[in-house]
């Protein structure tokens, strides 16, 4: 069982492992988040869940709980299926991760949680 975000990332191989490491560093640098492994992958929280990182065979999913309200911030954001507000970006290369842009997305996610409360409640 994965105990830390670092353990989770270390368990990823190939390109997804490199992308996850790069994204995690950008998320920590953005500030304001705490990280934890829930539901088998890293979750980043501030007043509730803000975003997630999840490794796949050929990409890393970078998802936001309130992503449906952030679609105008990044054309790569895709609305998730179902009734929720989740939206995702599929990152396939470390060059897909831009620190300043990650910080803007995180700031918006934190702001939405501050205004609307924990998206999990």
PDB file of N, CA and C in Angstrom:
ATOM      1  N   UNK A   1       0.842  -1.188   0.000  1.00  0.00           N
ATOM      2  CA  UNK A   1       0.000   0.000   0.000  1.00  0.00           C
ATOM      3  C   UNK A   1       0.887   1.250   0.000  1.00  0.00           C
ATOM      4  N   UNK A   2       0.569   2.197  -0.855  1.00  0.00           N
ATOM      5  CA  UNK A   2       1.322   3.441  -0.944  1.00  0.00           C
ATOM      6  C   UNK A   2       1.019   4.313   0.269  1.00  0.00           C
ATOM      7  N   UNK A   3       2.067   4.756   0.947  1.00  0.00           N
ATOM      8  CA  UNK A   3       1.882   5.548   2.160  1.00  0.00           C
ATOM      9  C   UNK A   3       2.085   7.038   1.945  1.00  0.00           C
ATOM     10  N   UNK A   4       2.965   7.419   1.044  1.00  0.00           N
ATOM     11  CA  UNK A   4       3.234   8.840   0.815  1.00  0.00           C
ATOM     12  C   UNK A   4       3.138   9.147  -0.674  1.00  0.00           C
ATOM     13  N   UNK A   5       3.007  10.427  -0.976  1.00  0.00           N
ATOM     14  CA  UNK A   5       2.990  10.853  -2.375  1.00  0.00           C
ATOM     15  C   UNK A   5       4.307  10.480  -3.046  1.00  0.00           C
ATOM     16  N   UNK A   6       5.397  10.649  -2.333  1.00  0.00           N
ATOM     17  CA  UNK A   6       6.708  10.303  -2.885  1.00  0.00           C
ATOM     18  C   UNK A   6       6.789   8.813  -3.220  1.00  0.00           C
ATOM     19  N   UNK A   7       6.227   7.955  -2.353  1.00  0.00           N
ATOM     20  CA  UNK A   7       6.184   6.515  -2.627  1.00  0.00           C
ATOM     21  C   UNK A   7       5.370   6.232  -3.892  1.00  0.00           C
ATOM     22  N   UNK A   8       4.234   6.904  -4.021  1.00  0.00           N
ATOM     23  CA  UNK A   8       3.385   6.711  -5.196  1.00  0.00           C
ATOM     24  C   UNK A   8       4.154   7.059  -6.465  1.00  0.00           C
ATOM     25  N   UNK A   9       4.778   8.237  -6.469  1.00  0.00           N
ATOM     26  CA  UNK A   9       5.512   8.693  -7.650  1.00  0.00           C
ATOM     27  C   UNK A   9       6.684   7.761  -7.951  1.00  0.00           C
ATOM     28  N   UNK A  10       7.386   7.309  -6.909  1.00  0.00           N
ATOM     29  CA  UNK A  10       8.512   6.387  -7.105  1.00  0.00           C
ATOM     30  C   UNK A  10       8.052   5.070  -7.726  1.00  0.00           C
ATOM     31  N   UNK A  11       6.794   4.706  -7.519  1.00  0.00           N
ATOM     32  CA  UNK A  11       6.257   3.478  -8.075  1.00  0.00           C
ATOM     33  C   UNK A  11       5.850   3.569  -9.538  1.00  0.00           C
ATOM     34  N   UNK A  12       5.864   4.775 -10.092  1.00  0.00           N
ATOM     35  CA  UNK A  12       5.530   4.956 -11.509  1.00  0.00           C
ATOM     36  C   UNK A  12       6.796   4.804 -12.338  1.00  0.00           C
ATOM     37  N   UNK A  13       6.670   4.226 -13.512  1.00  0.00           N
ATOM     38  CA  UNK A  13       7.848   4.040 -14.359  1.00  0.00           C
ATOM     39  C   UNK A  13       7.714   4.815 -15.660  1.00  0.00           C
ATOM     40  N   UNK A  14       8.835   4.968 -16.335  1.00  0.00           N
ATOM     41  CA  UNK A  14       8.850   5.593 -17.647  1.00  0.00           C
ATOM     42  C   UNK A  14       8.406   7.041 -17.630  1.00  0.00           C
ATOM     43  N   UNK A  15       7.837   7.458 -18.744  1.00  0.00           N
ATOM     44  CA  UNK A  15       7.411   8.844 -18.920  1.00  0.00           C
ATOM     45  C   UNK A  15       6.405   9.292 -17.853  1.00  0.00           C
ATOM     46  N   UNK A  16       5.380   8.482 -17.511  1.00  0.00           N
ATOM     47  CA  UNK A  16       4.471   8.922 -16.453  1.00  0.00           C
ATOM     48  C   UNK A  16       5.180   9.213 -15.127  1.00  0.00           C
ATOM     49  N   UNK A  17       6.206   8.447 -14.794  1.00  0.00           N
ATOM     50  CA  UNK A  17       6.968   8.707 -13.577  1.00  0.00           C
ATOM     51  C   UNK A  17       7.679  10.044 -13.627  1.00  0.00           C
ATOM     52  N   UNK A  18       8.280  10.349 -14.778  1.00  0.00           N
ATOM     53  CA  UNK A  18       8.970  11.637 -14.948  1.00  0.00           C
ATOM     54  C   UNK A  18       7.985  12.798 -14.877  1.00  0.00           C
ATOM     55  N   UNK A  19       6.840  12.647 -15.539  1.00  0.00           N
ATOM     56  CA  UNK A  19       5.826  13.706 -15.551  1.00  0.00           C
ATOM     57  C   UNK A  19       5.259  13.913 -14.150  1.00  0.00           C
ATOM     58  N   UNK A  20       4.970  12.823 -13.446  1.00  0.00           N
ATOM     59  CA  UNK A  20       4.419  12.929 -12.093  1.00  0.00           C
ATOM     60  C   UNK A  20       5.390  13.635 -11.159  1.00  0.00           C
ATOM     61  N   UNK A  21       6.660  13.309 -11.260  1.00  0.00           N
ATOM     62  CA  UNK A  21       7.668  13.962 -10.420  1.00  0.00           C
ATOM     63  C   UNK A  21       7.702  15.461 -10.698  1.00  0.00           C
ATOM     64  N   UNK A  22       7.677  15.822 -11.963  1.00  0.00           N
ATOM     65  CA  UNK A  22       7.707  17.229 -12.367  1.00  0.00           C
ATOM     66  C   UNK A  22       6.448  17.958 -11.908  1.00  0.00           C
ATOM     67  N   UNK A  23       5.277  17.341 -12.092  1.00  0.00           N
ATOM     68  CA  UNK A  23       4.016  17.955 -11.681  1.00  0.00           C
ATOM     69  C   UNK A  23       3.954  18.118 -10.171  1.00  0.00           C
ATOM     70  N   UNK A  24       4.362  17.103  -9.427  1.00  0.00           N
ATOM     71  CA  UNK A  24       4.353  17.196  -7.962  1.00  0.00           C
ATOM     72  C   UNK A  24       5.212  18.371  -7.501  1.00  0.00           C
ATOM     73  N   UNK A  25       6.391  18.533  -8.084  1.00  0.00           N
ATOM     74  CA  UNK A  25       7.262  19.657  -7.719  1.00  0.00           C
ATOM     75  C   UNK A  25       6.578  20.992  -8.011  1.00  0.00           C
ATOM     76  N   UNK A  26       5.890  21.087  -9.146  1.00  0.00           N
ATOM     77  CA  UNK A  26       5.187  22.328  -9.496  1.00  0.00           C
ATOM     78  C   UNK A  26       4.036  22.598  -8.534  1.00  0.00           C
ATOM     79  N   UNK A  27       3.340  21.554  -8.120  1.00  0.00           N
ATOM     80  CA  UNK A  27       2.234  21.724  -7.176  1.00  0.00           C
ATOM     81  C   UNK A  27       2.733  22.190  -5.816  1.00  0.00           C
ATOM     82  N   UNK A  28       3.811  21.617  -5.344  1.00  0.00           N
ATOM     83  CA  UNK A  28       4.384  22.035  -4.065  1.00  0.00           C
ATOM     84  C   UNK A  28       4.886  23.471  -4.169  1.00  0.00           C
ATOM     85  N   UNK A  29       5.536  23.814  -5.274  1.00  0.00           N
ATOM     86  CA  UNK A  29       6.044  25.176  -5.472  1.00  0.00           C
ATOM     87  C   UNK A  29       4.912  26.193  -5.547  1.00  0.00           C
ATOM     88  N   UNK A  30       3.745  25.780  -6.025  1.00  0.00           N
ATOM     89  CA  UNK A  30       2.605  26.699  -6.131  1.00  0.00           C
ATOM     90  C   UNK A  30       2.185  27.209  -4.757  1.00  0.00           C
ATOM     91  N   UNK A  31       2.354  26.390  -3.738  1.00  0.00           N
ATOM     92  CA  UNK A  31       2.047  26.789  -2.371  1.00  0.00           C
ATOM     93  C   UNK A  31       0.569  26.662  -2.030  1.00  0.00           C
ATOM     94  N   UNK A  32       0.307  26.598  -0.731  1.00  0.00           N
ATOM     95  CA  UNK A  32      -1.059  26.573  -0.235  1.00  0.00           C
ATOM     96  C   UNK A  32      -1.711  25.211  -0.174  1.00  0.00           C
ATOM     97  N   UNK A  33      -1.029  24.170  -0.628  1.00  0.00           N
ATOM     98  CA  UNK A  33      -1.608  22.830  -0.674  1.00  0.00           C
ATOM     99  C   UNK A  33      -0.933  21.891   0.315  1.00  0.00           C
ATOM    100  N   UNK A  34      -1.696  20.939   0.800  1.00  0.00           N
ATOM    101  CA  UNK A  34      -1.122  19.798   1.504  1.00  0.00           C
ATOM    102  C   UNK A  34      -1.372  18.578   0.625  1.00  0.00           C
ATOM    103  N   UNK A  35      -0.465  17.619   0.670  1.00  0.00           N
ATOM    104  CA  UNK A  35      -0.620  16.430  -0.165  1.00  0.00           C
ATOM    105  C   UNK A  35      -0.806  15.194   0.693  1.00  0.00           C
ATOM    106  N   UNK A  36      -1.583  14.267   0.158  1.00  0.00           N
ATOM    107  CA  UNK A  36      -1.889  13.021   0.844  1.00  0.00           C
ATOM    108  C   UNK A  36      -2.283  11.990  -0.214  1.00  0.00           C
ATOM    109  N   UNK A  37      -2.084  10.721   0.089  1.00  0.00           N
ATOM    110  CA  UNK A  37      -2.565   9.668  -0.803  1.00  0.00           C
ATOM    111  C   UNK A  37      -3.942   9.239  -0.303  1.00  0.00           C
ATOM    112  N   UNK A  38      -4.951   9.394  -1.171  1.00  0.00           N
ATOM    113  CA  UNK A  38      -6.318   8.934  -0.903  1.00  0.00           C
ATOM    114  C   UNK A  38      -6.809   8.243  -2.158  1.00  0.00           C
ATOM    115  N   UNK A  39      -7.622   7.220  -1.989  1.00  0.00           N
ATOM    116  CA  UNK A  39      -8.187   6.502  -3.130  1.00  0.00           C
ATOM    117  C   UNK A  39      -7.103   5.972  -4.064  1.00  0.00           C
ATOM    118  N   UNK A  40      -5.905   5.727  -3.502  1.00  0.00           N
ATOM    119  CA  UNK A  40      -4.835   5.101  -4.256  1.00  0.00           C
ATOM    120  C   UNK A  40      -3.926   6.019  -5.046  1.00  0.00           C
ATOM    121  N   UNK A  41      -4.116   7.338  -4.939  1.00  0.00           N
ATOM    122  CA  UNK A  41      -3.270   8.280  -5.681  1.00  0.00           C
ATOM    123  C   UNK A  41      -3.193   9.613  -4.940  1.00  0.00           C
ATOM    124  N   UNK A  42      -2.243  10.479  -5.318  1.00  0.00           N
ATOM    125  CA  UNK A  42      -2.071  11.754  -4.616  1.00  0.00           C
ATOM    126  C   UNK A  42      -3.247  12.713  -4.805  1.00  0.00           C
ATOM    127  N   UNK A  43      -3.643  13.306  -3.688  1.00  0.00           N
ATOM    128  CA  UNK A  43      -4.666  14.349  -3.635  1.00  0.00           C
ATOM    129  C   UNK A  43      -4.007  15.565  -2.997  1.00  0.00           C
ATOM    130  N   UNK A  44      -4.305  16.732  -3.528  1.00  0.00           N
ATOM    131  CA  UNK A  44      -3.760  17.989  -3.008  1.00  0.00           C
ATOM    132  C   UNK A  44      -4.938  18.804  -2.490  1.00  0.00           C
ATOM    133  N   UNK A  45      -4.828  19.238  -1.221  1.00  0.00           N
ATOM    134  CA  UNK A  45      -5.963  19.845  -0.539  1.00  0.00           C
ATOM    135  C   UNK A  45      -5.659  21.247  -0.023  1.00  0.00           C
ATOM    136  N   UNK A  46      -6.714  22.053   0.041  1.00  0.00           N
ATOM    137  CA  UNK A  46      -6.717  23.365   0.693  1.00  0.00           C
ATOM    138  C   UNK A  46      -8.185  23.710   0.900  1.00  0.00           C
ATOM    139  N   UNK A  47      -8.677  23.551   2.122  1.00  0.00           N
ATOM    140  CA  UNK A  47     -10.103  23.752   2.356  1.00  0.00           C
ATOM    141  C   UNK A  47     -10.935  22.688   1.667  1.00  0.00           C
ATOM    142  N   UNK A  48     -10.361  21.514   1.513  1.00  0.00           N
ATOM    143  CA  UNK A  48     -10.977  20.412   0.787  1.00  0.00           C
ATOM    144  C   UNK A  48     -10.118  20.042  -0.410  1.00  0.00           C
ATOM    145  N   UNK A  49     -10.544  19.042  -1.131  1.00  0.00           N
ATOM    146  CA  UNK A  49      -9.790  18.567  -2.294  1.00  0.00           C
ATOM    147  C   UNK A  49      -9.747  19.646  -3.372  1.00  0.00           C
ATOM    148  N   UNK A  50      -8.540  19.916  -3.884  1.00  0.00           N
ATOM    149  CA  UNK A  50      -8.357  20.877  -4.974  1.00  0.00           C
ATOM    150  C   UNK A  50      -8.044  20.124  -6.263  1.00  0.00           C
ATOM    151  N   UNK A  51      -7.008  19.276  -6.223  1.00  0.00           N
ATOM    152  CA  UNK A  51      -6.591  18.591  -7.442  1.00  0.00           C
ATOM    153  C   UNK A  51      -6.001  17.226  -7.116  1.00  0.00           C
ATOM    154  N   UNK A  52      -5.768  16.462  -8.171  1.00  0.00           N
ATOM    155  CA  UNK A  52      -5.201  15.128  -8.030  1.00  0.00           C
ATOM    156  C   UNK A  52      -4.170  14.893  -9.116  1.00  0.00           C
ATOM    157  N   UNK A  53      -3.360  13.913  -8.867  1.00  0.00           N
ATOM    158  CA  UNK A  53      -2.347  13.434  -9.810  1.00  0.00           C
ATOM    159  C   UNK A  53      -2.540  11.928  -9.866  1.00  0.00           C
ATOM    160  N   UNK A  54      -2.670  11.376 -11.069  1.00  0.00           N
ATOM    161  CA  UNK A  54      -2.874   9.932 -11.176  1.00  0.00           C
ATOM    162  C   UNK A  54      -2.132   9.404 -12.394  1.00  0.00           C
ATOM    163  N   UNK A  55      -1.229   8.468 -12.157  1.00  0.00           N
ATOM    164  CA  UNK A  55      -0.453   7.887 -13.240  1.00  0.00           C
ATOM    165  C   UNK A  55      -1.258   6.894 -14.052  1.00  0.00           C
ATOM    166  N   UNK A  56      -1.032   6.901 -15.355  1.00  0.00           N
ATOM    167  CA  UNK A  56      -1.642   5.941 -16.274  1.00  0.00           C
ATOM    168  C   UNK A  56      -0.527   5.356 -17.144  1.00  0.00           C
ATOM    169  N   UNK A  57      -0.874   4.491 -18.058  1.00  0.00           N
ATOM    170  CA  UNK A  57       0.126   3.801 -18.878  1.00  0.00           C
ATOM    171  C   UNK A  57       0.997   4.766 -19.680  1.00  0.00           C
ATOM    172  N   UNK A  58       0.374   5.785 -20.286  1.00  0.00           N
ATOM    173  CA  UNK A  58       1.129   6.680 -21.164  1.00  0.00           C
ATOM    174  C   UNK A  58       0.967   8.161 -20.842  1.00  0.00           C
ATOM    175  N   UNK A  59       0.373   8.472 -19.685  1.00  0.00           N
ATOM    176  CA  UNK A  59       0.185   9.872 -19.302  1.00  0.00           C
ATOM    177  C   UNK A  59      -0.044   9.977 -17.796  1.00  0.00           C
ATOM    178  N   UNK A  60      -0.124  11.209 -17.329  1.00  0.00           N
ATOM    179  CA  UNK A  60      -0.520  11.499 -15.954  1.00  0.00           C
ATOM    180  C   UNK A  60      -1.786  12.336 -16.024  1.00  0.00           C
ATOM    181  N   UNK A  61      -2.793  11.932 -15.290  1.00  0.00           N
ATOM    182  CA  UNK A  61      -4.014  12.720 -15.204  1.00  0.00           C
ATOM    183  C   UNK A  61      -3.827  13.762 -14.109  1.00  0.00           C
ATOM    184  N   UNK A  62      -4.064  15.011 -14.463  1.00  0.00           N
ATOM    185  CA  UNK A  62      -4.012  16.151 -13.545  1.00  0.00           C
ATOM    186  C   UNK A  62      -5.443  16.665 -13.476  1.00  0.00           C
ATOM    187  N   UNK A  63      -6.138  16.352 -12.384  1.00  0.00           N
ATOM    188  CA  UNK A  63      -7.562  16.649 -12.284  1.00  0.00           C
ATOM    189  C   UNK A  63      -7.883  17.658 -11.202  1.00  0.00           C
ATOM    190  N   UNK A  64      -8.969  18.390 -11.421  1.00  0.00           N
ATOM    191  CA  UNK A  64      -9.452  19.398 -10.471  1.00  0.00           C
ATOM    192  C   UNK A  64     -10.897  19.112 -10.107  1.00  0.00           C
ATOM    193  N   UNK A  65     -11.181  19.121  -8.797  1.00  0.00           N
ATOM    194  CA  UNK A  65     -12.540  18.877  -8.333  1.00  0.00           C
ATOM    195  C   UNK A  65     -13.504  19.929  -8.865  1.00  0.00           C
ATOM    196  N   UNK A  66     -13.092  21.160  -8.948  1.00  0.00           N
ATOM    197  CA  UNK A  66     -13.950  22.231  -9.471  1.00  0.00           C
ATOM    198  C   UNK A  66     -13.514  22.632 -10.887  1.00  0.00           C
ATOM    199  N   UNK A  67     -12.956  21.693 -11.593  1.00  0.00           N
ATOM    200  CA  UNK A  67     -12.417  21.949 -12.922  1.00  0.00           C
ATOM    201  C   UNK A  67     -13.433  22.440 -13.931  1.00  0.00           C
ATOM    202  N   UNK A  68     -14.696  22.029 -13.801  1.00  0.00           N
ATOM    203  CA  UNK A  68     -15.718  22.491 -14.737  1.00  0.00           C
ATOM    204  C   UNK A  68     -15.891  24.003 -14.661  1.00  0.00           C
ATOM    205  N   UNK A  69     -15.511  24.588 -13.541  1.00  0.00           N
ATOM    206  CA  UNK A  69     -15.585  26.042 -13.377  1.00  0.00           C
ATOM    207  C   UNK A  69     -14.282  26.719 -13.797  1.00  0.00           C
ATOM    208  N   UNK A  70     -13.345  25.956 -14.307  1.00  0.00           N
ATOM    209  CA  UNK A  70     -12.027  26.477 -14.668  1.00  0.00           C
ATOM    210  C   UNK A  70     -11.691  26.232 -16.137  1.00  0.00           C
ATOM    211  N   UNK A  71     -12.649  25.779 -16.917  1.00  0.00           N
ATOM    212  CA  UNK A  71     -12.383  25.391 -18.305  1.00  0.00           C
ATOM    213  C   UNK A  71     -11.782  26.523 -19.128  1.00  0.00           C
ATOM    214  N   UNK A  72     -12.105  27.765 -18.776  1.00  0.00           N
ATOM    215  CA  UNK A  72     -11.579  28.914 -19.520  1.00  0.00           C
ATOM    216  C   UNK A  72     -10.097  29.165 -19.245  1.00  0.00           C
ATOM    217  N   UNK A  73      -9.539  28.541 -18.215  1.00  0.00           N
ATOM    218  CA  UNK A  73      -8.138  28.762 -17.856  1.00  0.00           C
ATOM    219  C   UNK A  73      -7.161  27.910 -18.662  1.00  0.00           C
ATOM    220  N   UNK A  74      -7.649  26.815 -19.249  1.00  0.00           N
ATOM    221  CA  UNK A  74      -6.755  25.930 -19.995  1.00  0.00           C
ATOM    222  C   UNK A  74      -7.579  25.129 -20.999  1.00  0.00           C
ATOM    223  N   UNK A  75      -7.297  25.282 -22.288  1.00  0.00           N
ATOM    224  CA  UNK A  75      -8.068  24.547 -23.290  1.00  0.00           C
ATOM    225  C   UNK A  75      -7.877  23.030 -23.213  1.00  0.00           C
ATOM    226  N   UNK A  76      -6.858  22.578 -22.488  1.00  0.00           N
ATOM    227  CA  UNK A  76      -6.635  21.135 -22.341  1.00  0.00           C
ATOM    228  C   UNK A  76      -7.556  20.510 -21.309  1.00  0.00           C
ATOM    229  N   UNK A  77      -8.189  21.321 -20.451  1.00  0.00           N
ATOM    230  CA  UNK A  77      -9.101  20.785 -19.443  1.00  0.00           C
ATOM    231  C   UNK A  77     -10.305  20.152 -20.127  1.00  0.00           C
ATOM    232  N   UNK A  78     -10.568  18.897 -19.773  1.00  0.00           N
ATOM    233  CA  UNK A  78     -11.708  18.154 -20.307  1.00  0.00           C
ATOM    234  C   UNK A  78     -12.655  17.847 -19.165  1.00  0.00           C
ATOM    235  N   UNK A  79     -13.921  18.140 -19.354  1.00  0.00           N
ATOM    236  CA  UNK A  79     -14.921  17.842 -18.336  1.00  0.00           C
ATOM    237  C   UNK A  79     -14.997  16.336 -18.158  1.00  0.00           C
ATOM    238  N   UNK A  80     -15.026  15.920 -16.898  1.00  0.00           N
ATOM    239  CA  UNK A  80     -15.154  14.503 -16.600  1.00  0.00           C
ATOM    240  C   UNK A  80     -16.566  14.018 -16.855  1.00  0.00           C
ATOM    241  N   UNK A  81     -16.732  12.729 -16.971  1.00  0.00           N
ATOM    242  CA  UNK A  81     -18.062  12.162 -17.146  1.00  0.00           C
ATOM    243  C   UNK A  81     -18.851  12.231 -15.847  1.00  0.00           C
ATOM    244  N   UNK A  82     -20.117  12.096 -15.931  1.00  0.00           N
ATOM    245  CA  UNK A  82     -20.951  12.088 -14.739  1.00  0.00           C
ATOM    246  C   UNK A  82     -21.433  13.465 -14.342  1.00  0.00           C
ATOM    247  N   UNK A  83     -21.984  13.537 -13.129  1.00  0.00           N
ATOM    248  CA  UNK A  83     -22.634  14.751 -12.660  1.00  0.00           C
ATOM    249  C   UNK A  83     -21.685  15.739 -12.010  1.00  0.00           C
ATOM    250  N   UNK A  84     -20.496  15.329 -11.652  1.00  0.00           N
ATOM    251  CA  UNK A  84     -19.596  16.177 -10.878  1.00  0.00           C
ATOM    252  C   UNK A  84     -18.989  17.320 -11.662  1.00  0.00           C
ATOM    253  N   UNK A  85     -18.184  18.093 -10.962  1.00  0.00           N
ATOM    254  CA  UNK A  85     -17.515  19.256 -11.541  1.00  0.00           C
ATOM    255  C   UNK A  85     -16.073  18.960 -11.935  1.00  0.00           C
ATOM    256  N   UNK A  86     -15.666  17.692 -11.908  1.00  0.00           N
ATOM    257  CA  UNK A  86     -14.283  17.347 -12.229  1.00  0.00           C
ATOM    258  C   UNK A  86     -13.951  17.682 -13.677  1.00  0.00           C
ATOM    259  N   UNK A  87     -12.709  18.111 -13.871  1.00  0.00           N
ATOM    260  CA  UNK A  87     -12.151  18.275 -15.213  1.00  0.00           C
ATOM    261  C   UNK A  87     -10.683  17.879 -15.124  1.00  0.00           C
ATOM    262  N   UNK A  88     -10.144  17.387 -16.227  1.00  0.00           N
ATOM    263  CA  UNK A  88      -8.815  16.789 -16.241  1.00  0.00           C
ATOM    264  C   UNK A  88      -7.969  17.315 -17.389  1.00  0.00           C
ATOM    265  N   UNK A  89      -6.665  17.256 -17.179  1.00  0.00           N
ATOM    266  CA  UNK A  89      -5.682  17.464 -18.238  1.00  0.00           C
ATOM    267  C   UNK A  89      -4.838  16.194 -18.288  1.00  0.00           C
ATOM    268  N   UNK A  90      -4.601  15.675 -19.473  1.00  0.00           N
ATOM    269  CA  UNK A  90      -3.711  14.520 -19.628  1.00  0.00           C
ATOM    270  C   UNK A  90      -2.327  15.041 -20.011  1.00  0.00           C
ATOM    271  N   UNK A  91      -1.371  14.823 -19.135  1.00  0.00           N
ATOM    272  CA  UNK A  91      -0.001  15.283 -19.355  1.00  0.00           C
ATOM    273  C   UNK A  91       0.835  14.109 -19.842  1.00  0.00           C
ATOM    274  N   UNK A  92       1.477  14.272 -20.989  1.00  0.00           N
ATOM    275  CA  UNK A  92       2.233  13.177 -21.596  1.00  0.00           C
ATOM    276  C   UNK A  92       3.743  13.388 -21.577  1.00  0.00           C
ATOM    277  N   UNK A  93       4.179  14.611 -21.285  1.00  0.00           N
ATOM    278  CA  UNK A  93       5.616  14.926 -21.284  1.00  0.00           C
ATOM    279  C   UNK A  93       5.898  15.968 -20.211  1.00  0.00           C
ATOM    280  N   UNK A  94       7.127  15.974 -19.713  1.00  0.00           N
ATOM    281  CA  UNK A  94       7.481  16.965 -18.691  1.00  0.00           C
ATOM    282  C   UNK A  94       7.318  18.385 -19.219  1.00  0.00           C
ATOM    283  N   UNK A  95       7.479  18.580 -20.524  1.00  0.00           N
ATOM    284  CA  UNK A  95       7.290  19.910 -21.113  1.00  0.00           C
ATOM    285  C   UNK A  95       5.840  20.379 -21.037  1.00  0.00           C
ATOM    286  N   UNK A  96       4.907  19.474 -20.779  1.00  0.00           N
ATOM    287  CA  UNK A  96       3.499  19.846 -20.621  1.00  0.00           C
ATOM    288  C   UNK A  96       3.236  20.535 -19.284  1.00  0.00           C
ATOM    289  N   UNK A  97       4.202  20.488 -18.374  1.00  0.00           N
ATOM    290  CA  UNK A  97       4.055  21.066 -17.035  1.00  0.00           C
ATOM    291  C   UNK A  97       4.767  22.412 -17.002  1.00  0.00           C
ATOM    292  N   UNK A  98       4.000  23.480 -16.827  1.00  0.00           N
ATOM    293  CA  UNK A  98       4.537  24.834 -16.713  1.00  0.00           C
ATOM    294  C   UNK A  98       4.248  25.334 -15.299  1.00  0.00           C
ATOM    295  N   UNK A  99       5.295  25.626 -14.533  1.00  0.00           N
ATOM    296  CA  UNK A  99       5.121  26.004 -13.127  1.00  0.00           C
ATOM    297  C   UNK A  99       4.144  27.156 -12.939  1.00  0.00           C
ATOM    298  N   UNK A 100       4.297  28.213 -13.724  1.00  0.00           N
ATOM    299  CA  UNK A 100       3.444  29.395 -13.561  1.00  0.00           C
ATOM    300  C   UNK A 100       1.989  29.052 -13.866  1.00  0.00           C
ATOM    301  N   UNK A 101       1.772  28.240 -14.871  1.00  0.00           N
ATOM    302  CA  UNK A 101       0.396  27.871 -15.221  1.00  0.00           C
ATOM    303  C   UNK A 101      -0.206  26.947 -14.161  1.00  0.00           C
ATOM    304  N   UNK A 102       0.579  26.001 -13.671  1.00  0.00           N
ATOM    305  CA  UNK A 102       0.106  25.140 -12.584  1.00  0.00           C
ATOM    306  C   UNK A 102      -0.267  26.002 -11.383  1.00  0.00           C
ATOM    307  N   UNK A 103       0.557  26.998 -11.062  1.00  0.00           N
ATOM    308  CA  UNK A 103       0.273  27.887  -9.932  1.00  0.00           C
ATOM    309  C   UNK A 103      -1.037  28.642 -10.140  1.00  0.00           C
ATOM    310  N   UNK A 104      -1.313  29.097 -11.357  1.00  0.00           N
ATOM    311  CA  UNK A 104      -2.579  29.799 -11.641  1.00  0.00           C
ATOM    312  C   UNK A 104      -3.775  28.868 -11.457  1.00  0.00           C
ATOM    313  N   UNK A 105      -3.667  27.650 -11.960  1.00  0.00           N
ATOM    314  CA  UNK A 105      -4.753  26.686 -11.808  1.00  0.00           C
ATOM    315  C   UNK A 105      -4.992  26.355 -10.335  1.00  0.00           C
ATOM    316  N   UNK A 106      -3.915  26.129  -9.607  1.00  0.00           N
ATOM    317  CA  UNK A 106      -4.025  25.822  -8.180  1.00  0.00           C
ATOM    318  C   UNK A 106      -4.653  26.989  -7.427  1.00  0.00           C
ATOM    319  N   UNK A 107      -4.208  28.208  -7.710  1.00  0.00           N
ATOM    320  CA  UNK A 107      -4.759  29.392  -7.034  1.00  0.00           C
ATOM    321  C   UNK A 107      -6.262  29.489  -7.272  1.00  0.00           C
ATOM    322  N   UNK A 108      -6.704  29.209  -8.483  1.00  0.00           N
ATOM    323  CA  UNK A 108      -8.137  29.255  -8.790  1.00  0.00           C
ATOM    324  C   UNK A 108      -8.876  28.157  -8.042  1.00  0.00           C
ATOM    325  N   UNK A 109      -8.312  26.960  -7.991  1.00  0.00           N
ATOM    326  CA  UNK A 109      -8.942  25.875  -7.250  1.00  0.00           C
ATOM    327  C   UNK A 109      -9.064  26.192  -5.769  1.00  0.00           C
ATOM    328  N   UNK A 110      -8.025  26.770  -5.195  1.00  0.00           N
ATOM    329  CA  UNK A 110      -8.059  27.158  -3.783  1.00  0.00           C
ATOM    330  C   UNK A 110      -9.100  28.251  -3.562  1.00  0.00           C
ATOM    331  N   UNK A 111      -9.137  29.233  -4.462  1.00  0.00           N
ATOM    332  CA  UNK A 111     -10.116  30.321  -4.347  1.00  0.00           C
ATOM    333  C   UNK A 111     -11.545  29.781  -4.410  1.00  0.00           C
ATOM    334  N   UNK A 112     -11.811  28.859  -5.322  1.00  0.00           N
ATOM    335  CA  UNK A 112     -13.154  28.286  -5.423  1.00  0.00           C
ATOM    336  C   UNK A 112     -13.531  27.535  -4.153  1.00  0.00           C
ATOM    337  N   UNK A 113     -12.590  26.810  -3.559  1.00  0.00           N
ATOM    338  CA  UNK A 113     -12.878  26.136  -2.292  1.00  0.00           C
ATOM    339  C   UNK A 113     -13.143  27.144  -1.183  1.00  0.00           C
ATOM    340  N   UNK A 114     -12.396  28.241  -1.175  1.00  0.00           N
ATOM    341  CA  UNK A 114     -12.609  29.274  -0.154  1.00  0.00           C
ATOM    342  C   UNK A 114     -14.008  29.875  -0.294  1.00  0.00           C
ATOM    343  N   UNK A 115     -14.435  30.106  -1.522  1.00  0.00           N
ATOM    344  CA  UNK A 115     -15.741  30.722  -1.767  1.00  0.00           C
ATOM    345  C   UNK A 115     -16.901  29.748  -1.601  1.00  0.00           C
ATOM    346  N   UNK A 116     -16.702  28.485  -1.973  1.00  0.00           N
ATOM    347  CA  UNK A 116     -17.806  27.528  -2.036  1.00  0.00           C
ATOM    348  C   UNK A 116     -17.733  26.405  -1.014  1.00  0.00           C
ATOM    349  N   UNK A 117     -16.600  26.275  -0.335  1.00  0.00           N
ATOM    350  CA  UNK A 117     -16.449  25.204   0.638  1.00  0.00           C
ATOM    351  C   UNK A 117     -15.843  23.950   0.032  1.00  0.00           C
ATOM    352  N   UNK A 118     -15.721  22.953   0.858  1.00  0.00           N
ATOM    353  CA  UNK A 118     -15.129  21.672   0.484  1.00  0.00           C
ATOM    354  C   UNK A 118     -15.988  21.001  -0.590  1.00  0.00           C
ATOM    355  N   UNK A 119     -15.421  20.703  -1.766  1.00  0.00           N
ATOM    356  CA  UNK A 119     -16.225  20.091  -2.828  1.00  0.00           C
ATOM    357  C   UNK A 119     -16.673  18.665  -2.524  1.00  0.00           C
ATOM    358  N   UNK A 120     -16.118  18.062  -1.491  1.00  0.00           N
ATOM    359  CA  UNK A 120     -16.484  16.694  -1.133  1.00  0.00           C
ATOM    360  C   UNK A 120     -17.660  16.651  -0.159  1.00  0.00           C
ATOM    361  N   UNK A 121     -18.126  17.800   0.268  1.00  0.00           N
ATOM    362  CA  UNK A 121     -19.241  17.838   1.237  1.00  0.00           C
ATOM    363  C   UNK A 121     -20.486  18.386   0.599  1.00  0.00           C
TER     364      UNK A 121
END
